[in-house]
Amino acid sequence: MAVYLIAQLKIHDRAEYAKYEAGFMEIFEKSGGTLLSVEEGPRVLEGDWPFTRTVLAQFPTEAAAMAWYRSPAYQQLVQHRFNASEGNLILIRSFGS
């Protein structure tokens, strides 16, 4: 059953974040995931949106998403994101799951 990852990030160090971006797709593509949206300027319809980047990704299963997230390669790479930003990362199930 498909799951979606939503990341809301406040990037404060673009140079450090660029290191994360440089290695991201190679690791992500091996997971079976699909990037659906990477947005720097969403159209806010209600409330506040203090994030500088929002990411929406789809994985075929929760197991695939967790395998990607927990992989040694991603855990090494994500340190650049941790150093360059703060944010939220969640997994949600597909509607009807």
PDB file of N, CA and C in Angstrom:
ATOM      1  N   MET A   1       0.839  -1.174   0.000  1.00  0.00           N
ATOM      2  CA  MET A   1       0.000   0.000   0.000  1.00  0.00           C
ATOM      3  C   MET A   1       0.890   1.244   0.000  1.00  0.00           C
ATOM      4  N   ALA A   2       0.616   2.179  -0.867  1.00  0.00           N
ATOM      5  CA  ALA A   2       1.443   3.382  -1.017  1.00  0.00           C
ATOM      6  C   ALA A   2       1.416   4.246   0.240  1.00  0.00           C
ATOM      7  N   VAL A   3       2.554   4.875   0.494  1.00  0.00           N
ATOM      8  CA  VAL A   3       2.663   5.866   1.563  1.00  0.00           C
ATOM      9  C   VAL A   3       3.291   7.122   0.978  1.00  0.00           C
ATOM     10  N   TYR A   4       3.042   8.222   1.650  1.00  0.00           N
ATOM     11  CA  TYR A   4       3.570   9.518   1.228  1.00  0.00           C
ATOM     12  C   TYR A   4       4.426  10.103   2.334  1.00  0.00           C
ATOM     13  N   LEU A   5       5.530  10.681   1.938  1.00  0.00           N
ATOM     14  CA  LEU A   5       6.414  11.376   2.849  1.00  0.00           C
ATOM     15  C   LEU A   5       6.229  12.868   2.615  1.00  0.00           C
ATOM     16  N   ILE A   6       6.057  13.604   3.689  1.00  0.00           N
ATOM     17  CA  ILE A   6       5.974  15.063   3.608  1.00  0.00           C
ATOM     18  C   ILE A   6       7.103  15.628   4.468  1.00  0.00           C
ATOM     19  N   ALA A   7       7.922  16.456   3.859  1.00  0.00           N
ATOM     20  CA  ALA A   7       8.999  17.137   4.576  1.00  0.00           C
ATOM     21  C   ALA A   7       8.749  18.634   4.507  1.00  0.00           C
ATOM     22  N   GLN A   8       8.802  19.287   5.657  1.00  0.00           N
ATOM     23  CA  GLN A   8       8.687  20.741   5.755  1.00  0.00           C
ATOM     24  C   GLN A   8       9.998  21.229   6.356  1.00  0.00           C
ATOM     25  N   LEU A   9      10.726  22.029   5.617  1.00  0.00           N
ATOM     26  CA  LEU A   9      12.069  22.417   6.038  1.00  0.00           C
ATOM     27  C   LEU A   9      12.252  23.926   6.082  1.00  0.00           C
ATOM     28  N   LYS A  10      13.012  24.367   7.062  1.00  0.00           N
ATOM     29  CA  LYS A  10      13.509  25.740   7.133  1.00  0.00           C
ATOM     30  C   LYS A  10      15.013  25.642   6.917  1.00  0.00           C
ATOM     31  N   ILE A  11      15.454  26.011   5.732  1.00  0.00           N
ATOM     32  CA  ILE A  11      16.876  25.909   5.392  1.00  0.00           C
ATOM     33  C   ILE A  11      17.583  27.194   5.819  1.00  0.00           C
ATOM     34  N   HIS A  12      18.644  27.043   6.604  1.00  0.00           N
ATOM     35  CA  HIS A  12      19.392  28.219   7.066  1.00  0.00           C
ATOM     36  C   HIS A  12      20.829  28.249   6.553  1.00  0.00           C
ATOM     37  N   ASP A  13      21.262  27.168   5.895  1.00  0.00           N
ATOM     38  CA  ASP A  13      22.613  27.120   5.334  1.00  0.00           C
ATOM     39  C   ASP A  13      22.532  26.445   3.963  1.00  0.00           C
ATOM     40  N   ARG A  14      22.383  27.258   2.918  1.00  0.00           N
ATOM     41  CA  ARG A  14      22.194  26.729   1.567  1.00  0.00           C
ATOM     42  C   ARG A  14      23.417  25.961   1.057  1.00  0.00           C
ATOM     43  N   ALA A  15      24.605  26.379   1.425  1.00  0.00           N
ATOM     44  CA  ALA A  15      25.808  25.681   0.962  1.00  0.00           C
ATOM     45  C   ALA A  15      25.866  24.269   1.544  1.00  0.00           C
ATOM     46  N   GLU A  16      25.569  24.122   2.814  1.00  0.00           N
ATOM     47  CA  GLU A  16      25.553  22.796   3.446  1.00  0.00           C
ATOM     48  C   GLU A  16      24.397  21.958   2.892  1.00  0.00           C
ATOM     49  N   TYR A  17      23.258  22.594   2.666  1.00  0.00           N
ATOM     50  CA  TYR A  17      22.102  21.872   2.124  1.00  0.00           C
ATOM     51  C   TYR A  17      22.390  21.377   0.709  1.00  0.00           C
ATOM     52  N   ALA A  18      23.192  22.122  -0.044  1.00  0.00           N
ATOM     53  CA  ALA A  18      23.552  21.715  -1.405  1.00  0.00           C
ATOM     54  C   ALA A  18      24.304  20.375  -1.394  1.00  0.00           C
ATOM     55  N   LYS A  19      25.047  20.098  -0.339  1.00  0.00           N
ATOM     56  CA  LYS A  19      25.735  18.814  -0.215  1.00  0.00           C
ATOM     57  C   LYS A  19      24.711  17.683  -0.083  1.00  0.00           C
ATOM     58  N   TYR A  20      23.646  17.937   0.644  1.00  0.00           N
ATOM     59  CA  TYR A  20      22.554  16.972   0.788  1.00  0.00           C
ATOM     60  C   TYR A  20      21.880  16.749  -0.570  1.00  0.00           C
ATOM     61  N   GLU A  21      21.567  17.839  -1.245  1.00  0.00           N
ATOM     62  CA  GLU A  21      20.908  17.737  -2.553  1.00  0.00           C
ATOM     63  C   GLU A  21      21.756  16.960  -3.560  1.00  0.00           C
ATOM     64  N   ALA A  22      23.065  17.166  -3.513  1.00  0.00           N
ATOM     65  CA  ALA A  22      23.959  16.537  -4.493  1.00  0.00           C
ATOM     66  C   ALA A  22      23.909  15.008  -4.432  1.00  0.00           C
ATOM     67  N   GLY A  23      23.678  14.451  -3.267  1.00  0.00           N
ATOM     68  CA  GLY A  23      23.651  12.994  -3.142  1.00  0.00           C
ATOM     69  C   GLY A  23      22.274  12.388  -3.012  1.00  0.00           C
ATOM     70  N   PHE A  24      21.264  13.228  -2.911  1.00  0.00           N
ATOM     71  CA  PHE A  24      19.921  12.742  -2.591  1.00  0.00           C
ATOM     72  C   PHE A  24      19.333  11.804  -3.644  1.00  0.00           C
ATOM     73  N   MET A  25      19.264  12.232  -4.895  1.00  0.00           N
ATOM     74  CA  MET A  25      18.543  11.460  -5.911  1.00  0.00           C
ATOM     75  C   MET A  25      19.139  10.078  -6.131  1.00  0.00           C
ATOM     76  N   GLU A  26      20.433   9.954  -6.088  1.00  0.00           N
ATOM     77  CA  GLU A  26      21.060   8.648  -6.294  1.00  0.00           C
ATOM     78  C   GLU A  26      20.570   7.644  -5.248  1.00  0.00           C
ATOM     79  N   ILE A  27      20.495   8.073  -4.002  1.00  0.00           N
ATOM     80  CA  ILE A  27      20.032   7.195  -2.923  1.00  0.00           C
ATOM     81  C   ILE A  27      18.522   7.000  -3.008  1.00  0.00           C
ATOM     82  N   PHE A  28      17.800   8.074  -3.247  1.00  0.00           N
ATOM     83  CA  PHE A  28      16.337   8.029  -3.277  1.00  0.00           C
ATOM     84  C   PHE A  28      15.820   7.129  -4.403  1.00  0.00           C
ATOM     85  N   GLU A  29      16.385   7.232  -5.582  1.00  0.00           N
ATOM     86  CA  GLU A  29      15.909   6.452  -6.727  1.00  0.00           C
ATOM     87  C   GLU A  29      16.046   4.952  -6.506  1.00  0.00           C
ATOM     88  N   LYS A  30      17.008   4.530  -5.725  1.00  0.00           N
ATOM     89  CA  LYS A  30      17.196   3.110  -5.429  1.00  0.00           C
ATOM     90  C   LYS A  30      16.084   2.565  -4.530  1.00  0.00           C
ATOM     91  N   SER A  31      15.332   3.442  -3.878  1.00  0.00           N
ATOM     92  CA  SER A  31      14.310   3.031  -2.913  1.00  0.00           C
ATOM     93  C   SER A  31      12.964   2.708  -3.551  1.00  0.00           C
ATOM     94  N   GLY A  32      12.801   3.030  -4.824  1.00  0.00           N
ATOM     95  CA  GLY A  32      11.499   2.866  -5.458  1.00  0.00           C
ATOM     96  C   GLY A  32      10.580   4.045  -5.217  1.00  0.00           C
ATOM     97  N   GLY A  33      11.104   5.083  -4.594  1.00  0.00           N
ATOM     98  CA  GLY A  33      10.305   6.273  -4.327  1.00  0.00           C
ATOM     99  C   GLY A  33      10.160   7.157  -5.546  1.00  0.00           C
ATOM    100  N   THR A  34       9.147   8.016  -5.503  1.00  0.00           N
ATOM    101  CA  THR A  34       8.888   8.984  -6.557  1.00  0.00           C
ATOM    102  C   THR A  34       8.733  10.358  -5.928  1.00  0.00           C
ATOM    103  N   LEU A  35       9.496  11.334  -6.402  1.00  0.00           N
ATOM    104  CA  LEU A  35       9.295  12.709  -5.947  1.00  0.00           C
ATOM    105  C   LEU A  35       8.101  13.286  -6.682  1.00  0.00           C
ATOM    106  N   LEU A  36       7.112  13.732  -5.934  1.00  0.00           N
ATOM    107  CA  LEU A  36       5.913  14.311  -6.524  1.00  0.00           C
ATOM    108  C   LEU A  36       5.974  15.827  -6.575  1.00  0.00           C
ATOM    109  N   SER A  37       6.631  16.437  -5.581  1.00  0.00           N
ATOM    110  CA  SER A  37       6.744  17.892  -5.562  1.00  0.00           C
ATOM    111  C   SER A  37       7.892  18.313  -4.653  1.00  0.00           C
ATOM    112  N   VAL A  38       8.634  19.309  -5.110  1.00  0.00           N
ATOM    113  CA  VAL A  38       9.626  20.015  -4.297  1.00  0.00           C
ATOM    114  C   VAL A  38       9.317  21.484  -4.511  1.00  0.00           C
ATOM    115  N   GLU A  39       8.855  22.134  -3.451  1.00  0.00           N
ATOM    116  CA  GLU A  39       8.306  23.488  -3.594  1.00  0.00           C
ATOM    117  C   GLU A  39       8.988  24.468  -2.648  1.00  0.00           C
ATOM    118  N   GLU A  40       9.465  25.565  -3.204  1.00  0.00           N
ATOM    119  CA  GLU A  40      10.067  26.634  -2.407  1.00  0.00           C
ATOM    120  C   GLU A  40       9.071  27.754  -2.106  1.00  0.00           C
ATOM    121  N   GLY A  41       8.024  27.862  -2.891  1.00  0.00           N
ATOM    122  CA  GLY A  41       7.080  28.956  -2.696  1.00  0.00           C
ATOM    123  C   GLY A  41       5.639  28.519  -2.887  1.00  0.00           C
ATOM    124  N   PRO A  42       5.111  27.711  -1.958  1.00  0.00           N
ATOM    125  CA  PRO A  42       3.737  27.249  -2.145  1.00  0.00           C
ATOM    126  C   PRO A  42       2.730  28.393  -2.022  1.00  0.00           C
ATOM    127  N   ARG A  43       1.607  28.205  -2.613  1.00  0.00           N
ATOM    128  CA  ARG A  43       0.515  29.171  -2.485  1.00  0.00           C
ATOM    129  C   ARG A  43      -0.247  28.835  -1.209  1.00  0.00           C
ATOM    130  N   VAL A  44      -0.116  29.673  -0.202  1.00  0.00           N
ATOM    131  CA  VAL A  44      -0.735  29.436   1.095  1.00  0.00           C
ATOM    132  C   VAL A  44      -2.178  29.914   1.048  1.00  0.00           C
ATOM    133  N   LEU A  45      -3.087  29.004   1.283  1.00  0.00           N
ATOM    134  CA  LEU A  45      -4.514  29.334   1.260  1.00  0.00           C
ATOM    135  C   LEU A  45      -5.052  29.668   2.643  1.00  0.00           C
ATOM    136  N   GLU A  46      -4.497  29.074   3.670  1.00  0.00           N
ATOM    137  CA  GLU A  46      -4.907  29.352   5.050  1.00  0.00           C
ATOM    138  C   GLU A  46      -3.701  29.227   5.962  1.00  0.00           C
ATOM    139  N   GLY A  47      -3.656  30.041   6.982  1.00  0.00           N
ATOM    140  CA  GLY A  47      -2.617  29.929   7.996  1.00  0.00           C
ATOM    141  C   GLY A  47      -1.267  30.463   7.558  1.00  0.00           C
ATOM    142  N   ASP A  48      -0.255  30.085   8.312  1.00  0.00           N
ATOM    143  CA  ASP A  48       1.126  30.499   8.065  1.00  0.00           C
ATOM    144  C   ASP A  48       1.911  29.315   7.530  1.00  0.00           C
ATOM    145  N   TRP A  49       2.883  29.577   6.712  1.00  0.00           N
ATOM    146  CA  TRP A  49       3.762  28.537   6.171  1.00  0.00           C
ATOM    147  C   TRP A  49       5.191  29.044   6.271  1.00  0.00           C
ATOM    148  N   PRO A  50       5.849  28.802   7.399  1.00  0.00           N
ATOM    149  CA  PRO A  50       7.175  29.371   7.624  1.00  0.00           C
ATOM    150  C   PRO A  50       8.325  28.575   7.001  1.00  0.00           C
ATOM    151  N   PHE A  51       8.020  27.595   6.176  1.00  0.00           N
ATOM    152  CA  PHE A  51       9.046  26.708   5.645  1.00  0.00           C
ATOM    153  C   PHE A  51       9.616  27.239   4.333  1.00  0.00           C
ATOM    154  N   THR A  52      10.899  26.977   4.110  1.00  0.00           N
ATOM    155  CA  THR A  52      11.542  27.416   2.875  1.00  0.00           C
ATOM    156  C   THR A  52      11.495  26.342   1.797  1.00  0.00           C
ATOM    157  N   ARG A  53      11.181  25.109   2.196  1.00  0.00           N
ATOM    158  CA  ARG A  53      11.054  24.022   1.215  1.00  0.00           C
ATOM    159  C   ARG A  53      10.069  22.991   1.753  1.00  0.00           C
ATOM    160  N   THR A  54       9.221  22.533   0.853  1.00  0.00           N
ATOM    161  CA  THR A  54       8.283  21.458   1.166  1.00  0.00           C
ATOM    162  C   THR A  54       8.458  20.379   0.115  1.00  0.00           C
ATOM    163  N   VAL A  55       8.537  19.129   0.570  1.00  0.00           N
ATOM    164  CA  VAL A  55       8.756  18.004  -0.326  1.00  0.00           C
ATOM    165  C   VAL A  55       7.637  16.989  -0.126  1.00  0.00           C
ATOM    166  N   LEU A  56       7.117  16.478  -1.239  1.00  0.00           N
ATOM    167  CA  LEU A  56       6.126  15.413  -1.212  1.00  0.00           C
ATOM    168  C   LEU A  56       6.667  14.262  -2.050  1.00  0.00           C
ATOM    169  N   ALA A  57       6.793  13.087  -1.426  1.00  0.00           N
ATOM    170  CA  ALA A  57       7.306  11.910  -2.115  1.00  0.00           C
ATOM    171  C   ALA A  57       6.371  10.738  -1.873  1.00  0.00           C
ATOM    172  N   GLN A  58       6.374   9.810  -2.796  1.00  0.00           N
ATOM    173  CA  GLN A  58       5.555   8.606  -2.678  1.00  0.00           C
ATOM    174  C   GLN A  58       6.465   7.377  -2.691  1.00  0.00           C
ATOM    175  N   PHE A  59       6.133   6.416  -1.870  1.00  0.00           N
ATOM    176  CA  PHE A  59       6.809   5.130  -1.842  1.00  0.00           C
ATOM    177  C   PHE A  59       5.770   4.034  -2.045  1.00  0.00           C
ATOM    178  N   PRO A  60       6.154   2.924  -2.649  1.00  0.00           N
ATOM    179  CA  PRO A  60       5.178   1.863  -2.899  1.00  0.00           C
ATOM    180  C   PRO A  60       4.647   1.218  -1.624  1.00  0.00           C
ATOM    181  N   THR A  61       5.483   1.201  -0.587  1.00  0.00           N
ATOM    182  CA  THR A  61       5.087   0.619   0.697  1.00  0.00           C
ATOM    183  C   THR A  61       5.781   1.366   1.832  1.00  0.00           C
ATOM    184  N   GLU A  62       5.258   1.185   3.031  1.00  0.00           N
ATOM    185  CA  GLU A  62       5.919   1.760   4.195  1.00  0.00           C
ATOM    186  C   GLU A  62       7.286   1.123   4.398  1.00  0.00           C
ATOM    187  N   ALA A  63       7.385  -0.167   4.116  1.00  0.00           N
ATOM    188  CA  ALA A  63       8.673  -0.854   4.256  1.00  0.00           C
ATOM    189  C   ALA A  63       9.723  -0.238   3.335  1.00  0.00           C
ATOM    190  N   ALA A  64       9.343   0.118   2.115  1.00  0.00           N
ATOM    191  CA  ALA A  64      10.279   0.744   1.181  1.00  0.00           C
ATOM    192  C   ALA A  64      10.719   2.113   1.696  1.00  0.00           C
ATOM    193  N   ALA A  65       9.769   2.877   2.230  1.00  0.00           N
ATOM    194  CA  ALA A  65      10.096   4.199   2.776  1.00  0.00           C
ATOM    195  C   ALA A  65      11.064   4.078   3.950  1.00  0.00           C
ATOM    196  N   MET A  66      10.798   3.145   4.832  1.00  0.00           N
ATOM    197  CA  MET A  66      11.653   2.991   6.007  1.00  0.00           C
ATOM    198  C   MET A  66      13.018   2.420   5.635  1.00  0.00           C
ATOM    199  N   ALA A  67      13.060   1.551   4.626  1.00  0.00           N
ATOM    200  CA  ALA A  67      14.352   1.028   4.168  1.00  0.00           C
ATOM    201  C   ALA A  67      15.213   2.157   3.622  1.00  0.00           C
ATOM    202  N   TRP A  68      14.599   3.080   2.872  1.00  0.00           N
ATOM    203  CA  TRP A  68      15.327   4.247   2.364  1.00  0.00           C
ATOM    204  C   TRP A  68      15.821   5.109   3.537  1.00  0.00           C
ATOM    205  N   TYR A  69      14.905   5.450   4.432  1.00  0.00           N
ATOM    206  CA  TYR A  69      15.249   6.358   5.521  1.00  0.00           C
ATOM    207  C   TYR A  69      16.326   5.775   6.437  1.00  0.00           C
ATOM    208  N   ARG A  70      16.254   4.499   6.704  1.00  0.00           N
ATOM    209  CA  ARG A  70      17.190   3.858   7.635  1.00  0.00           C
ATOM    210  C   ARG A  70      18.473   3.363   6.973  1.00  0.00           C
ATOM    211  N   SER A  71      18.548   3.452   5.659  1.00  0.00           N
ATOM    212  CA  SER A  71      19.732   2.932   4.969  1.00  0.00           C
ATOM    213  C   SER A  71      20.992   3.667   5.437  1.00  0.00           C
ATOM    214  N   PRO A  72      22.102   2.961   5.542  1.00  0.00           N
ATOM    215  CA  PRO A  72      23.358   3.618   5.939  1.00  0.00           C
ATOM    216  C   PRO A  72      23.736   4.771   5.015  1.00  0.00           C
ATOM    217  N   ALA A  73      23.489   4.610   3.720  1.00  0.00           N
ATOM    218  CA  ALA A  73      23.846   5.685   2.778  1.00  0.00           C
ATOM    219  C   ALA A  73      23.035   6.950   3.059  1.00  0.00           C
ATOM    220  N   TYR A  74      21.726   6.790   3.297  1.00  0.00           N
ATOM    221  CA  TYR A  74      20.912   7.975   3.579  1.00  0.00           C
ATOM    222  C   TYR A  74      21.249   8.557   4.946  1.00  0.00           C
ATOM    223  N   GLN A  75      21.463   7.723   5.933  1.00  0.00           N
ATOM    224  CA  GLN A  75      21.785   8.231   7.261  1.00  0.00           C
ATOM    225  C   GLN A  75      23.093   9.018   7.271  1.00  0.00           C
ATOM    226  N   GLN A  76      24.025   8.654   6.417  1.00  0.00           N
ATOM    227  CA  GLN A  76      25.255   9.435   6.290  1.00  0.00           C
ATOM    228  C   GLN A  76      24.954  10.765   5.597  1.00  0.00           C
ATOM    229  N   LEU A  77      24.197  10.716   4.522  1.00  0.00           N
ATOM    230  CA  LEU A  77      23.878  11.928   3.759  1.00  0.00           C
ATOM    231  C   LEU A  77      23.020  12.905   4.547  1.00  0.00           C
ATOM    232  N   VAL A  78      22.057  12.405   5.288  1.00  0.00           N
ATOM    233  CA  VAL A  78      21.096  13.281   5.969  1.00  0.00           C
ATOM    234  C   VAL A  78      21.757  14.182   7.002  1.00  0.00           C
ATOM    235  N   GLN A  79      22.961  13.858   7.405  1.00  0.00           N
ATOM    236  CA  GLN A  79      23.660  14.722   8.357  1.00  0.00           C
ATOM    237  C   GLN A  79      23.836  16.138   7.796  1.00  0.00           C
ATOM    238  N   HIS A  80      23.996  16.253   6.476  1.00  0.00           N
ATOM    239  CA  HIS A  80      24.089  17.583   5.861  1.00  0.00           C
ATOM    240  C   HIS A  80      22.770  18.340   6.011  1.00  0.00           C
ATOM    241  N   ARG A  81      21.652  17.635   5.841  1.00  0.00           N
ATOM    242  CA  ARG A  81      20.340  18.292   6.019  1.00  0.00           C
ATOM    243  C   ARG A  81      20.160  18.712   7.466  1.00  0.00           C
ATOM    244  N   PHE A  82      20.531  17.844   8.392  1.00  0.00           N
ATOM    245  CA  PHE A  82      20.420  18.188   9.809  1.00  0.00           C
ATOM    246  C   PHE A  82      21.249  19.426  10.143  1.00  0.00           C
ATOM    247  N   ASN A  83      22.435  19.535   9.559  1.00  0.00           N
ATOM    248  CA  ASN A  83      23.303  20.685   9.815  1.00  0.00           C
ATOM    249  C   ASN A  83      22.798  21.957   9.144  1.00  0.00           C
ATOM    250  N   ALA A  84      22.050  21.812   8.057  1.00  0.00           N
ATOM    251  CA  ALA A  84      21.655  22.963   7.242  1.00  0.00           C
ATOM    252  C   ALA A  84      20.229  23.441   7.463  1.00  0.00           C
ATOM    253  N   SER A  85      19.434  22.653   8.166  1.00  0.00           N
ATOM    254  CA  SER A  85      18.014  23.004   8.274  1.00  0.00           C
ATOM    255  C   SER A  85      17.402  22.404   9.527  1.00  0.00           C
ATOM    256  N   GLU A  86      16.180  22.816   9.771  1.00  0.00           N
ATOM    257  CA  GLU A  86      15.354  22.174  10.781  1.00  0.00           C
ATOM    258  C   GLU A  86      14.006  21.926  10.129  1.00  0.00           C
ATOM    259  N   GLY A  87      13.283  20.963  10.627  1.00  0.00           N
ATOM    260  CA  GLY A  87      12.010  20.712   9.981  1.00  0.00           C
ATOM    261  C   GLY A  87      11.252  19.532  10.532  1.00  0.00           C
ATOM    262  N   ASN A  88      10.246  19.160   9.772  1.00  0.00           N
ATOM    263  CA  ASN A  88       9.358  18.054  10.097  1.00  0.00           C
ATOM    264  C   ASN A  88       9.375  17.070   8.949  1.00  0.00           C
ATOM    265  N   LEU A  89       9.277  15.791   9.287  1.00  0.00           N
ATOM    266  CA  LEU A  89       9.233  14.736   8.277  1.00  0.00           C
ATOM    267  C   LEU A  89       8.218  13.716   8.765  1.00  0.00           C
ATOM    268  N   ILE A  90       7.186  13.468   7.930  1.00  0.00           N
ATOM    269  CA  ILE A  90       6.149  12.515   8.333  1.00  0.00           C
ATOM    270  C   ILE A  90       5.853  11.547   7.188  1.00  0.00           C
ATOM    271  N   LEU A  91       5.310  10.385   7.553  1.00  0.00           N
ATOM    272  CA  LEU A  91       4.774   9.427   6.592  1.00  0.00           C
ATOM    273  C   LEU A  91       3.284   9.341   6.806  1.00  0.00           C
ATOM    274  N   ILE A  92       2.521   9.359   5.727  1.00  0.00           N
ATOM    275  CA  ILE A  92       1.077   9.158   5.820  1.00  0.00           C
ATOM    276  C   ILE A  92       0.683   8.094   4.816  1.00  0.00           C
ATOM    277  N   ARG A  93      -0.394   7.369   5.124  1.00  0.00           N
ATOM    278  CA  ARG A  93      -0.875   6.313   4.245  1.00  0.00           C
ATOM    279  C   ARG A  93      -1.765   6.879   3.137  1.00  0.00           C
ATOM    280  N   SER A  94      -1.806   6.150   2.067  1.00  0.00           N
ATOM    281  CA  SER A  94      -2.694   6.489   0.970  1.00  0.00           C
ATOM    282  C   SER A  94      -4.134   6.399   1.446  1.00  0.00           C
ATOM    283  N   PHE A  95      -4.994   7.245   0.937  1.00  0.00           N
ATOM    284  CA  PHE A  95      -6.402   7.256   1.300  1.00  0.00           C
ATOM    285  C   PHE A  95      -7.003   5.885   1.041  1.00  0.00           C
ATOM    286  N   GLY A  96      -7.765   5.404   1.989  1.00  0.00           N
ATOM    287  CA  GLY A  96      -8.378   4.094   1.846  1.00  0.00           C
ATOM    288  C   GLY A  96      -7.503   2.964   2.297  1.00  0.00           C
ATOM    289  N   SER A  97      -6.316   3.282   2.808  1.00  0.00           N
ATOM    290  CA  SER A  97      -5.399   2.229   3.259  1.00  0.00           C
ATOM    291  C   SER A  97      -5.784   1.746   4.635  1.00  0.00           C
TER     292      SER A  97
END
